[in-house]
PDB file of N, CA and C in Angstrom:
ATOM      1  N   UNK A   1       0.842  -1.179   0.000  1.00  0.00           N
ATOM      2  CA  UNK A   1       0.000   0.000   0.000  1.00  0.00           C
ATOM      3  C   UNK A   1       0.888   1.244   0.000  1.00  0.00           C
ATOM      4  N   UNK A   2       0.570   2.178  -0.831  1.00  0.00           N
ATOM      5  CA  UNK A   2       1.354   3.380  -0.979  1.00  0.00           C
ATOM      6  C   UNK A   2       0.938   4.437   0.030  1.00  0.00           C
ATOM      7  N   UNK A   3       1.928   4.988   0.698  1.00  0.00           N
ATOM      8  CA  UNK A   3       1.637   6.057   1.648  1.00  0.00           C
ATOM      9  C   UNK A   3       1.420   7.356   0.879  1.00  0.00           C
ATOM     10  N   UNK A   4       0.449   8.103   1.317  1.00  0.00           N
ATOM     11  CA  UNK A   4       0.139   9.381   0.682  1.00  0.00           C
ATOM     12  C   UNK A   4       0.152  10.481   1.729  1.00  0.00           C
ATOM     13  N   UNK A   5       0.616  11.632   1.306  1.00  0.00           N
ATOM     14  CA  UNK A   5       0.673  12.803   2.180  1.00  0.00           C
ATOM     15  C   UNK A   5      -0.324  13.815   1.630  1.00  0.00           C
ATOM     16  N   UNK A   6      -1.179  14.321   2.494  1.00  0.00           N
ATOM     17  CA  UNK A   6      -2.181  15.290   2.080  1.00  0.00           C
ATOM     18  C   UNK A   6      -1.780  16.668   2.584  1.00  0.00           C
ATOM     19  N   UNK A   7      -1.883  17.649   1.702  1.00  0.00           N
ATOM     20  CA  UNK A   7      -1.578  19.032   2.046  1.00  0.00           C
ATOM     21  C   UNK A   7      -2.789  19.889   1.735  1.00  0.00           C
ATOM     22  N   UNK A   8      -2.993  20.895   2.534  1.00  0.00           N
ATOM     23  CA  UNK A   8      -4.138  21.789   2.353  1.00  0.00           C
ATOM     24  C   UNK A   8      -3.645  23.225   2.356  1.00  0.00           C
ATOM     25  N   UNK A   9      -4.189  24.005   1.419  1.00  0.00           N
ATOM     26  CA  UNK A   9      -3.869  25.432   1.371  1.00  0.00           C
ATOM     27  C   UNK A   9      -4.911  26.174   2.200  1.00  0.00           C
ATOM     28  N   UNK A  10      -4.479  26.948   3.195  1.00  0.00           N
ATOM     29  CA  UNK A  10      -5.436  27.591   4.095  1.00  0.00           C
ATOM     30  C   UNK A  10      -6.317  28.650   3.435  1.00  0.00           C
ATOM     31  N   UNK A  11      -5.838  29.291   2.394  1.00  0.00           N
ATOM     32  CA  UNK A  11      -6.611  30.363   1.765  1.00  0.00           C
ATOM     33  C   UNK A  11      -7.461  29.831   0.608  1.00  0.00           C
ATOM     34  N   UNK A  12      -6.887  29.014  -0.242  1.00  0.00           N
ATOM     35  CA  UNK A  12      -7.584  28.507  -1.424  1.00  0.00           C
ATOM     36  C   UNK A  12      -8.587  27.402  -1.096  1.00  0.00           C
ATOM     37  N   UNK A  13      -8.514  26.840   0.109  1.00  0.00           N
ATOM     38  CA  UNK A  13      -9.362  25.719   0.511  1.00  0.00           C
ATOM     39  C   UNK A  13      -9.225  24.569  -0.486  1.00  0.00           C
ATOM     40  N   UNK A  14      -7.977  24.241  -0.803  1.00  0.00           N
ATOM     41  CA  UNK A  14      -7.657  23.203  -1.778  1.00  0.00           C
ATOM     42  C   UNK A  14      -6.776  22.153  -1.098  1.00  0.00           C
ATOM     43  N   UNK A  15      -7.070  20.895  -1.335  1.00  0.00           N
ATOM     44  CA  UNK A  15      -6.273  19.799  -0.788  1.00  0.00           C
ATOM     45  C   UNK A  15      -5.549  19.094  -1.926  1.00  0.00           C
ATOM     46  N   UNK A  16      -4.264  18.816  -1.725  1.00  0.00           N
ATOM     47  CA  UNK A  16      -3.443  18.155  -2.725  1.00  0.00           C
ATOM     48  C   UNK A  16      -2.862  16.891  -2.097  1.00  0.00           C
ATOM     49  N   UNK A  17      -2.771  15.859  -2.890  1.00  0.00           N
ATOM     50  CA  UNK A  17      -2.244  14.581  -2.439  1.00  0.00           C
ATOM     51  C   UNK A  17      -0.889  14.338  -3.112  1.00  0.00           C
ATOM     52  N   UNK A  18       0.114  13.962  -2.322  1.00  0.00           N
ATOM     53  CA  UNK A  18       1.439  13.642  -2.850  1.00  0.00           C
ATOM     54  C   UNK A  18       1.797  12.245  -2.378  1.00  0.00           C
ATOM     55  N   UNK A  19       2.172  11.395  -3.308  1.00  0.00           N
ATOM     56  CA  UNK A  19       2.551  10.035  -2.978  1.00  0.00           C
ATOM     57  C   UNK A  19       3.961  10.042  -2.393  1.00  0.00           C
ATOM     58  N   UNK A  20       4.190   9.235  -1.391  1.00  0.00           N
ATOM     59  CA  UNK A  20       5.526   9.075  -0.838  1.00  0.00           C
ATOM     60  C   UNK A  20       6.221   7.942  -1.592  1.00  0.00           C
ATOM     61  N   UNK A  21       7.494   8.100  -1.855  1.00  0.00           N
ATOM     62  CA  UNK A  21       8.248   7.057  -2.540  1.00  0.00           C
ATOM     63  C   UNK A  21       8.597   7.441  -3.961  1.00  0.00           C
ATOM     64  N   UNK A  22       8.781   6.427  -4.792  1.00  0.00           N
ATOM     65  CA  UNK A  22       9.247   6.622  -6.162  1.00  0.00           C
ATOM     66  C   UNK A  22       8.168   7.260  -7.024  1.00  0.00           C
ATOM     67  N   UNK A  23       8.570   8.220  -7.854  1.00  0.00           N
ATOM     68  CA  UNK A  23       7.643   8.906  -8.752  1.00  0.00           C
ATOM     69  C   UNK A  23       7.862   8.415 -10.180  1.00  0.00           C
ATOM     70  N   UNK A  24       6.976   7.554 -10.636  1.00  0.00           N
ATOM     71  CA  UNK A  24       7.095   7.073 -12.010  1.00  0.00           C
ATOM     72  C   UNK A  24       6.917   8.187 -13.042  1.00  0.00           C
ATOM     73  N   UNK A  25       5.998   9.135 -12.831  1.00  0.00           N
ATOM     74  CA  UNK A  25       5.893  10.227 -13.805  1.00  0.00           C
ATOM     75  C   UNK A  25       7.182  11.052 -13.909  1.00  0.00           C
ATOM     76  N   UNK A  26       7.845  11.321 -12.777  1.00  0.00           N
ATOM     77  CA  UNK A  26       9.106  12.073 -12.821  1.00  0.00           C
ATOM     78  C   UNK A  26      10.174  11.259 -13.533  1.00  0.00           C
ATOM     79  N   UNK A  27      10.180   9.948 -13.326  1.00  0.00           N
ATOM     80  CA  UNK A  27      11.146   9.068 -13.985  1.00  0.00           C
ATOM     81  C   UNK A  27      10.924   9.040 -15.494  1.00  0.00           C
ATOM     82  N   UNK A  28       9.680   8.895 -15.917  1.00  0.00           N
ATOM     83  CA  UNK A  28       9.374   8.719 -17.341  1.00  0.00           C
ATOM     84  C   UNK A  28       9.304  10.032 -18.116  1.00  0.00           C
ATOM     85  N   UNK A  29       8.777  11.094 -17.488  1.00  0.00           N
ATOM     86  CA  UNK A  29       8.545  12.344 -18.212  1.00  0.00           C
ATOM     87  C   UNK A  29       9.578  13.421 -17.933  1.00  0.00           C
ATOM     88  N   UNK A  30      10.342  13.291 -16.854  1.00  0.00           N
ATOM     89  CA  UNK A  30      11.407  14.241 -16.550  1.00  0.00           C
ATOM     90  C   UNK A  30      10.905  15.664 -16.373  1.00  0.00           C
ATOM     91  N   UNK A  31      11.527  16.576 -17.110  1.00  0.00           N
ATOM     92  CA  UNK A  31      11.211  17.993 -16.937  1.00  0.00           C
ATOM     93  C   UNK A  31       9.765  18.318 -17.298  1.00  0.00           C
ATOM     94  N   UNK A  32       9.147  17.543 -18.172  1.00  0.00           N
ATOM     95  CA  UNK A  32       7.745  17.782 -18.534  1.00  0.00           C
ATOM     96  C   UNK A  32       6.853  17.581 -17.308  1.00  0.00           C
ATOM     97  N   UNK A  33       7.148  16.549 -16.519  1.00  0.00           N
ATOM     98  CA  UNK A  33       6.409  16.305 -15.273  1.00  0.00           C
ATOM     99  C   UNK A  33       6.537  17.505 -14.343  1.00  0.00           C
ATOM    100  N   UNK A  34       7.756  18.023 -14.180  1.00  0.00           N
ATOM    101  CA  UNK A  34       7.973  19.164 -13.281  1.00  0.00           C
ATOM    102  C   UNK A  34       7.198  20.390 -13.763  1.00  0.00           C
ATOM    103  N   UNK A  35       7.181  20.625 -15.046  1.00  0.00           N
ATOM    104  CA  UNK A  35       6.435  21.774 -15.568  1.00  0.00           C
ATOM    105  C   UNK A  35       4.930  21.571 -15.406  1.00  0.00           C
ATOM    106  N   UNK A  36       4.448  20.342 -15.527  1.00  0.00           N
ATOM    107  CA  UNK A  36       3.021  20.070 -15.315  1.00  0.00           C
ATOM    108  C   UNK A  36       2.626  20.315 -13.859  1.00  0.00           C
ATOM    109  N   UNK A  37       3.569  20.129 -12.937  1.00  0.00           N
ATOM    110  CA  UNK A  37       3.322  20.377 -11.515  1.00  0.00           C
ATOM    111  C   UNK A  37       3.600  21.824 -11.131  1.00  0.00           C
ATOM    112  N   UNK A  38       3.889  22.669 -12.105  1.00  0.00           N
ATOM    113  CA  UNK A  38       4.187  24.097 -11.911  1.00  0.00           C
ATOM    114  C   UNK A  38       5.444  24.323 -11.070  1.00  0.00           C
ATOM    115  N   UNK A  39       6.400  23.422 -11.198  1.00  0.00           N
ATOM    116  CA  UNK A  39       7.684  23.578 -10.533  1.00  0.00           C
ATOM    117  C   UNK A  39       8.671  24.088 -11.589  1.00  0.00           C
ATOM    118  N   UNK A  40       8.586  25.375 -11.860  1.00  0.00           N
ATOM    119  CA  UNK A  40       9.299  25.974 -12.986  1.00  0.00           C
ATOM    120  C   UNK A  40      10.816  25.836 -12.860  1.00  0.00           C
ATOM    121  N   UNK A  41      11.373  26.166 -11.716  1.00  0.00           N
ATOM    122  CA  UNK A  41      12.820  26.109 -11.547  1.00  0.00           C
ATOM    123  C   UNK A  41      13.318  24.668 -11.638  1.00  0.00           C
ATOM    124  N   UNK A  42      12.648  23.759 -10.984  1.00  0.00           N
ATOM    125  CA  UNK A  42      13.035  22.345 -11.041  1.00  0.00           C
ATOM    126  C   UNK A  42      12.960  21.848 -12.484  1.00  0.00           C
ATOM    127  N   UNK A  43      11.912  22.219 -13.191  1.00  0.00           N
ATOM    128  CA  UNK A  43      11.762  21.802 -14.584  1.00  0.00           C
ATOM    129  C   UNK A  43      12.861  22.326 -15.475  1.00  0.00           C
ATOM    130  N   UNK A  44      13.216  23.590 -15.291  1.00  0.00           N
ATOM    131  CA  UNK A  44      14.281  24.168 -16.111  1.00  0.00           C
ATOM    132  C   UNK A  44      15.641  23.551 -15.783  1.00  0.00           C
ATOM    133  N   UNK A  45      15.880  23.251 -14.499  1.00  0.00           N
ATOM    134  CA  UNK A  45      17.134  22.600 -14.120  1.00  0.00           C
ATOM    135  C   UNK A  45      17.198  21.173 -14.667  1.00  0.00           C
ATOM    136  N   UNK A  46      16.066  20.484 -14.643  1.00  0.00           N
ATOM    137  CA  UNK A  46      16.036  19.134 -15.210  1.00  0.00           C
ATOM    138  C   UNK A  46      16.264  19.172 -16.719  1.00  0.00           C
ATOM    139  N   UNK A  47      15.676  20.149 -17.393  1.00  0.00           N
ATOM    140  CA  UNK A  47      15.890  20.293 -18.830  1.00  0.00           C
ATOM    141  C   UNK A  47      17.354  20.594 -19.126  1.00  0.00           C
ATOM    142  N   UNK A  48      17.968  21.491 -18.348  1.00  0.00           N
ATOM    143  CA  UNK A  48      19.381  21.817 -18.552  1.00  0.00           C
ATOM    144  C   UNK A  48      20.260  20.589 -18.345  1.00  0.00           C
ATOM    145  N   UNK A  49      19.954  19.793 -17.325  1.00  0.00           N
ATOM    146  CA  UNK A  49      20.732  18.572 -17.083  1.00  0.00           C
ATOM    147  C   UNK A  49      20.543  17.579 -18.233  1.00  0.00           C
ATOM    148  N   UNK A  50      19.314  17.435 -18.714  1.00  0.00           N
ATOM    149  CA  UNK A  50      19.060  16.539 -19.849  1.00  0.00           C
ATOM    150  C   UNK A  50      19.829  16.983 -21.090  1.00  0.00           C
ATOM    151  N   UNK A  51      19.832  18.284 -21.349  1.00  0.00           N
ATOM    152  CA  UNK A  51      20.558  18.797 -22.513  1.00  0.00           C
ATOM    153  C   UNK A  51      22.064  18.598 -22.360  1.00  0.00           C
ATOM    154  N   UNK A  52      22.591  18.842 -21.167  1.00  0.00           N
ATOM    155  CA  UNK A  52      24.022  18.657 -20.930  1.00  0.00           C
ATOM    156  C   UNK A  52      24.408  17.193 -21.106  1.00  0.00           C
ATOM    157  N   UNK A  53      23.594  16.296 -20.590  1.00  0.00           N
ATOM    158  CA  UNK A  53      23.874  14.866 -20.754  1.00  0.00           C
ATOM    159  C   UNK A  53      23.778  14.478 -22.222  1.00  0.00           C
ATOM    160  N   UNK A  54      22.811  15.041 -22.934  1.00  0.00           N
ATOM    161  CA  UNK A  54      22.671  14.754 -24.358  1.00  0.00           C
ATOM    162  C   UNK A  54      23.844  15.256 -25.179  1.00  0.00           C
ATOM    163  N   UNK A  55      24.410  16.385 -24.790  1.00  0.00           N
ATOM    164  CA  UNK A  55      25.566  16.930 -25.517  1.00  0.00           C
ATOM    165  C   UNK A  55      26.799  16.049 -25.370  1.00  0.00           C
ATOM    166  N   UNK A  56      26.889  15.306 -24.286  1.00  0.00           N
ATOM    167  CA  UNK A  56      28.027  14.400 -24.105  1.00  0.00           C
ATOM    168  C   UNK A  56      28.054  13.373 -25.231  1.00  0.00           C
ATOM    169  N   UNK A  57      26.896  12.975 -25.711  1.00  0.00           N
ATOM    170  CA  UNK A  57      26.794  11.975 -26.762  1.00  0.00           C
ATOM    171  C   UNK A  57      27.424  12.385 -28.072  1.00  0.00           C
ATOM    172  N   UNK A  58      27.657  13.666 -28.293  1.00  0.00           N
ATOM    173  CA  UNK A  58      28.260  14.137 -29.538  1.00  0.00           C
ATOM    174  C   UNK A  58      29.778  14.012 -29.541  1.00  0.00           C
ATOM    175  N   UNK A  59      30.368  13.584 -28.426  1.00  0.00           N
ATOM    176  CA  UNK A  59      31.824  13.537 -28.319  1.00  0.00           C
ATOM    177  C   UNK A  59      32.433  12.302 -28.977  1.00  0.00           C
ATOM    178  N   UNK A  60      31.656  11.303 -29.321  1.00  0.00           N
ATOM    179  CA  UNK A  60      32.209  10.114 -29.964  1.00  0.00           C
ATOM    180  C   UNK A  60      31.394   8.878 -29.634  1.00  0.00           C
ATOM    181  N   UNK A  61      31.915   7.725 -30.097  1.00  0.00           N
ATOM    182  CA  UNK A  61      31.173   6.475 -29.923  1.00  0.00           C
ATOM    183  C   UNK A  61      31.061   6.066 -28.461  1.00  0.00           C
ATOM    184  N   UNK A  62      32.147   6.119 -27.732  1.00  0.00           N
ATOM    185  CA  UNK A  62      32.103   5.743 -26.312  1.00  0.00           C
ATOM    186  C   UNK A  62      31.248   6.726 -25.522  1.00  0.00           C
ATOM    187  N   UNK A  63      31.233   7.966 -25.959  1.00  0.00           N
ATOM    188  CA  UNK A  63      30.441   8.992 -25.269  1.00  0.00           C
ATOM    189  C   UNK A  63      28.950   8.717 -25.397  1.00  0.00           C
ATOM    190  N   UNK A  64      28.540   8.055 -26.479  1.00  0.00           N
ATOM    191  CA  UNK A  64      27.124   7.698 -26.634  1.00  0.00           C
ATOM    192  C   UNK A  64      26.669   6.791 -25.499  1.00  0.00           C
ATOM    193  N   UNK A  65      27.485   5.801 -25.190  1.00  0.00           N
ATOM    194  CA  UNK A  65      27.143   4.865 -24.121  1.00  0.00           C
ATOM    195  C   UNK A  65      27.157   5.587 -22.772  1.00  0.00           C
ATOM    196  N   UNK A  66      28.142   6.432 -22.566  1.00  0.00           N
ATOM    197  CA  UNK A  66      28.232   7.198 -21.327  1.00  0.00           C
ATOM    198  C   UNK A  66      27.016   8.104 -21.179  1.00  0.00           C
ATOM    199  N   UNK A  67      26.628   8.752 -22.259  1.00  0.00           N
ATOM    200  CA  UNK A  67      25.463   9.636 -22.245  1.00  0.00           C
ATOM    201  C   UNK A  67      24.191   8.851 -21.925  1.00  0.00           C
ATOM    202  N   UNK A  68      24.049   7.673 -22.493  1.00  0.00           N
ATOM    203  CA  UNK A  68      22.884   6.835 -22.231  1.00  0.00           C
ATOM    204  C   UNK A  68      22.832   6.420 -20.757  1.00  0.00           C
ATOM    205  N   UNK A  69      23.964   5.979 -20.220  1.00  0.00           N
ATOM    206  CA  UNK A  69      24.018   5.555 -18.830  1.00  0.00           C
ATOM    207  C   UNK A  69      23.708   6.727 -17.904  1.00  0.00           C
ATOM    208  N   UNK A  70      24.302   7.883 -18.170  1.00  0.00           N
ATOM    209  CA  UNK A  70      24.033   9.071 -17.348  1.00  0.00           C
ATOM    210  C   UNK A  70      22.567   9.486 -17.428  1.00  0.00           C
ATOM    211  N   UNK A  71      21.988   9.374 -18.608  1.00  0.00           N
ATOM    212  CA  UNK A  71      20.578   9.727 -18.791  1.00  0.00           C
ATOM    213  C   UNK A  71      19.678   8.804 -17.965  1.00  0.00           C
ATOM    214  N   UNK A  72      19.972   7.527 -17.979  1.00  0.00           N
ATOM    215  CA  UNK A  72      19.184   6.569 -17.194  1.00  0.00           C
ATOM    216  C   UNK A  72      19.358   6.833 -15.706  1.00  0.00           C
ATOM    217  N   UNK A  73      20.594   7.069 -15.276  1.00  0.00           N
ATOM    218  CA  UNK A  73      20.851   7.360 -13.860  1.00  0.00           C
ATOM    219  C   UNK A  73      20.146   8.638 -13.420  1.00  0.00           C
ATOM    220  N   UNK A  74      20.146   9.651 -14.278  1.00  0.00           N
ATOM    221  CA  UNK A  74      19.475  10.903 -13.948  1.00  0.00           C
ATOM    222  C   UNK A  74      17.961  10.698 -13.854  1.00  0.00           C
ATOM    223  N   UNK A  75      17.403   9.882 -14.739  1.00  0.00           N
ATOM    224  CA  UNK A  75      15.964   9.594 -14.686  1.00  0.00           C
ATOM    225  C   UNK A  75      15.615   8.853 -13.393  1.00  0.00           C
ATOM    226  N   UNK A  76      16.460   7.912 -12.987  1.00  0.00           N
ATOM    227  CA  UNK A  76      16.231   7.201 -11.725  1.00  0.00           C
ATOM    228  C   UNK A  76      16.299   8.163 -10.557  1.00  0.00           C
ATOM    229  N   UNK A  77      17.288   9.057 -10.571  1.00  0.00           N
ATOM    230  CA  UNK A  77      17.420  10.049  -9.503  1.00  0.00           C
ATOM    231  C   UNK A  77      16.179  10.939  -9.429  1.00  0.00           C
ATOM    232  N   UNK A  78      15.691  11.384 -10.583  1.00  0.00           N
ATOM    233  CA  UNK A  78      14.485  12.223 -10.610  1.00  0.00           C
ATOM    234  C   UNK A  78      13.277  11.452 -10.083  1.00  0.00           C
ATOM    235  N   UNK A  79      13.181  10.182 -10.402  1.00  0.00           N
ATOM    236  CA  UNK A  79      12.088   9.360  -9.893  1.00  0.00           C
ATOM    237  C   UNK A  79      12.150   9.186  -8.384  1.00  0.00           C
ATOM    238  N   UNK A  80      13.366   9.048  -7.867  1.00  0.00           N
ATOM    239  CA  UNK A  80      13.532   8.868  -6.422  1.00  0.00           C
ATOM    240  C   UNK A  80      13.247  10.161  -5.658  1.00  0.00           C
ATOM    241  N   UNK A  81      13.574  11.289  -6.228  1.00  0.00           N
ATOM    242  CA  UNK A  81      13.437  12.567  -5.527  1.00  0.00           C
ATOM    243  C   UNK A  81      12.209  13.375  -5.933  1.00  0.00           C
ATOM    244  N   UNK A  82      11.516  12.986  -6.992  1.00  0.00           N
ATOM    245  CA  UNK A  82      10.422  13.771  -7.550  1.00  0.00           C
ATOM    246  C   UNK A  82       9.328  14.135  -6.568  1.00  0.00           C
ATOM    247  N   UNK A  83       8.835  13.174  -5.814  1.00  0.00           N
ATOM    248  CA  UNK A  83       7.755  13.458  -4.871  1.00  0.00           C
ATOM    249  C   UNK A  83       8.229  14.353  -3.733  1.00  0.00           C
ATOM    250  N   UNK A  84       9.485  14.215  -3.322  1.00  0.00           N
ATOM    251  CA  UNK A  84      10.036  15.111  -2.298  1.00  0.00           C
ATOM    252  C   UNK A  84      10.102  16.543  -2.818  1.00  0.00           C
ATOM    253  N   UNK A  85      10.532  16.702  -4.067  1.00  0.00           N
ATOM    254  CA  UNK A  85      10.575  18.039  -4.671  1.00  0.00           C
ATOM    255  C   UNK A  85       9.180  18.640  -4.738  1.00  0.00           C
ATOM    256  N   UNK A  86       8.204  17.828  -5.125  1.00  0.00           N
ATOM    257  CA  UNK A  86       6.827  18.310  -5.237  1.00  0.00           C
ATOM    258  C   UNK A  86       6.292  18.721  -3.865  1.00  0.00           C
ATOM    259  N   UNK A  87       6.531  17.909  -2.855  1.00  0.00           N
ATOM    260  CA  UNK A  87       6.097  18.217  -1.493  1.00  0.00           C
ATOM    261  C   UNK A  87       6.728  19.515  -1.000  1.00  0.00           C
ATOM    262  N   UNK A  88       8.013  19.660  -1.198  1.00  0.00           N
ATOM    263  CA  UNK A  88       8.715  20.877  -0.765  1.00  0.00           C
ATOM    264  C   UNK A  88       8.199  22.116  -1.507  1.00  0.00           C
ATOM    265  N   UNK A  89       7.894  21.969  -2.798  1.00  0.00           N
ATOM    266  CA  UNK A  89       7.374  23.094  -3.571  1.00  0.00           C
ATOM    267  C   UNK A  89       5.992  23.507  -3.081  1.00  0.00           C
ATOM    268  N   UNK A  90       5.154  22.536  -2.769  1.00  0.00           N
ATOM    269  CA  UNK A  90       3.821  22.860  -2.259  1.00  0.00           C
ATOM    270  C   UNK A  90       3.910  23.561  -0.904  1.00  0.00           C
ATOM    271  N   UNK A  91       4.802  23.102  -0.040  1.00  0.00           N
ATOM    272  CA  UNK A  91       4.985  23.760   1.255  1.00  0.00           C
ATOM    273  C   UNK A  91       5.488  25.188   1.072  1.00  0.00           C
ATOM    274  N   UNK A  92       6.359  25.391   0.103  1.00  0.00           N
ATOM    275  CA  UNK A  92       6.861  26.737  -0.183  1.00  0.00           C
ATOM    276  C   UNK A  92       5.739  27.656  -0.664  1.00  0.00           C
ATOM    277  N   UNK A  93       4.749  27.077  -1.348  1.00  0.00           N
ATOM    278  CA  UNK A  93       3.618  27.865  -1.839  1.00  0.00           C
ATOM    279  C   UNK A  93       2.520  28.053  -0.801  1.00  0.00           C
ATOM    280  N   UNK A  94       2.749  27.582   0.435  1.00  0.00           N
ATOM    281  CA  UNK A  94       1.800  27.845   1.506  1.00  0.00           C
ATOM    282  C   UNK A  94       0.951  26.668   1.929  1.00  0.00           C
ATOM    283  N   UNK A  95       1.086  25.531   1.295  1.00  0.00           N
ATOM    284  CA  UNK A  95       0.313  24.360   1.684  1.00  0.00           C
ATOM    285  C   UNK A  95       0.853  23.820   3.005  1.00  0.00           C
ATOM    286  N   UNK A  96      -0.045  23.265   3.808  1.00  0.00           N
ATOM    287  CA  UNK A  96       0.302  22.723   5.121  1.00  0.00           C
ATOM    288  C   UNK A  96      -0.011  21.229   5.127  1.00  0.00           C
ATOM    289  N   UNK A  97       0.922  20.429   5.628  1.00  0.00           N
ATOM    290  CA  UNK A  97       0.718  18.984   5.707  1.00  0.00           C
ATOM    291  C   UNK A  97      -0.349  18.693   6.743  1.00  0.00           C
ATOM    292  N   UNK A  98      -1.350  17.907   6.342  1.00  0.00           N
ATOM    293  CA  UNK A  98      -2.417  17.529   7.260  1.00  0.00           C
ATOM    294  C   UNK A  98      -1.952  16.360   8.116  1.00  0.00           C
ATOM    295  N   UNK A  99      -2.374  16.320   9.383  1.00  0.00           N
ATOM    296  CA  UNK A  99      -1.970  15.191  10.241  1.00  0.00           C
ATOM    297  C   UNK A  99      -2.556  13.889   9.744  1.00  0.00           C
ATOM    298  N   UNK A 100      -1.776  12.812   9.874  1.00  0.00           N
ATOM    299  CA  UNK A 100      -2.223  11.478   9.446  1.00  0.00           C
ATOM    300  C   UNK A 100      -3.266  10.962  10.442  1.00  0.00           C
ATOM    301  N   UNK A 101      -4.297  10.336   9.899  1.00  0.00           N
ATOM    302  CA  UNK A 101      -5.356   9.800  10.756  1.00  0.00           C
ATOM    303  C   UNK A 101      -5.101   8.342  11.043  1.00  0.00           C
TER     304      UNK A 101
END
């Protein structure tokens, strides 16, 4: 069973649910996922990292493999940290974590 964290905005009267653990959307979609969650800075940093990793592939044949491995590792890292980034961004925007029942 997946643990979920609920946050509520005191002014907007809006409740948001964030899953704890691995984020498959962050793993599969990368910066697009971050932009869909309105995490502009995180999305732009993820895009910059993706572009930098992609540019490594232009250095030669061995660099292609290195670029692929780095890209996969970066996607795994984003999947592992994605929900934490989303939770922190919501808290920064004023959402408050609701107590677990």
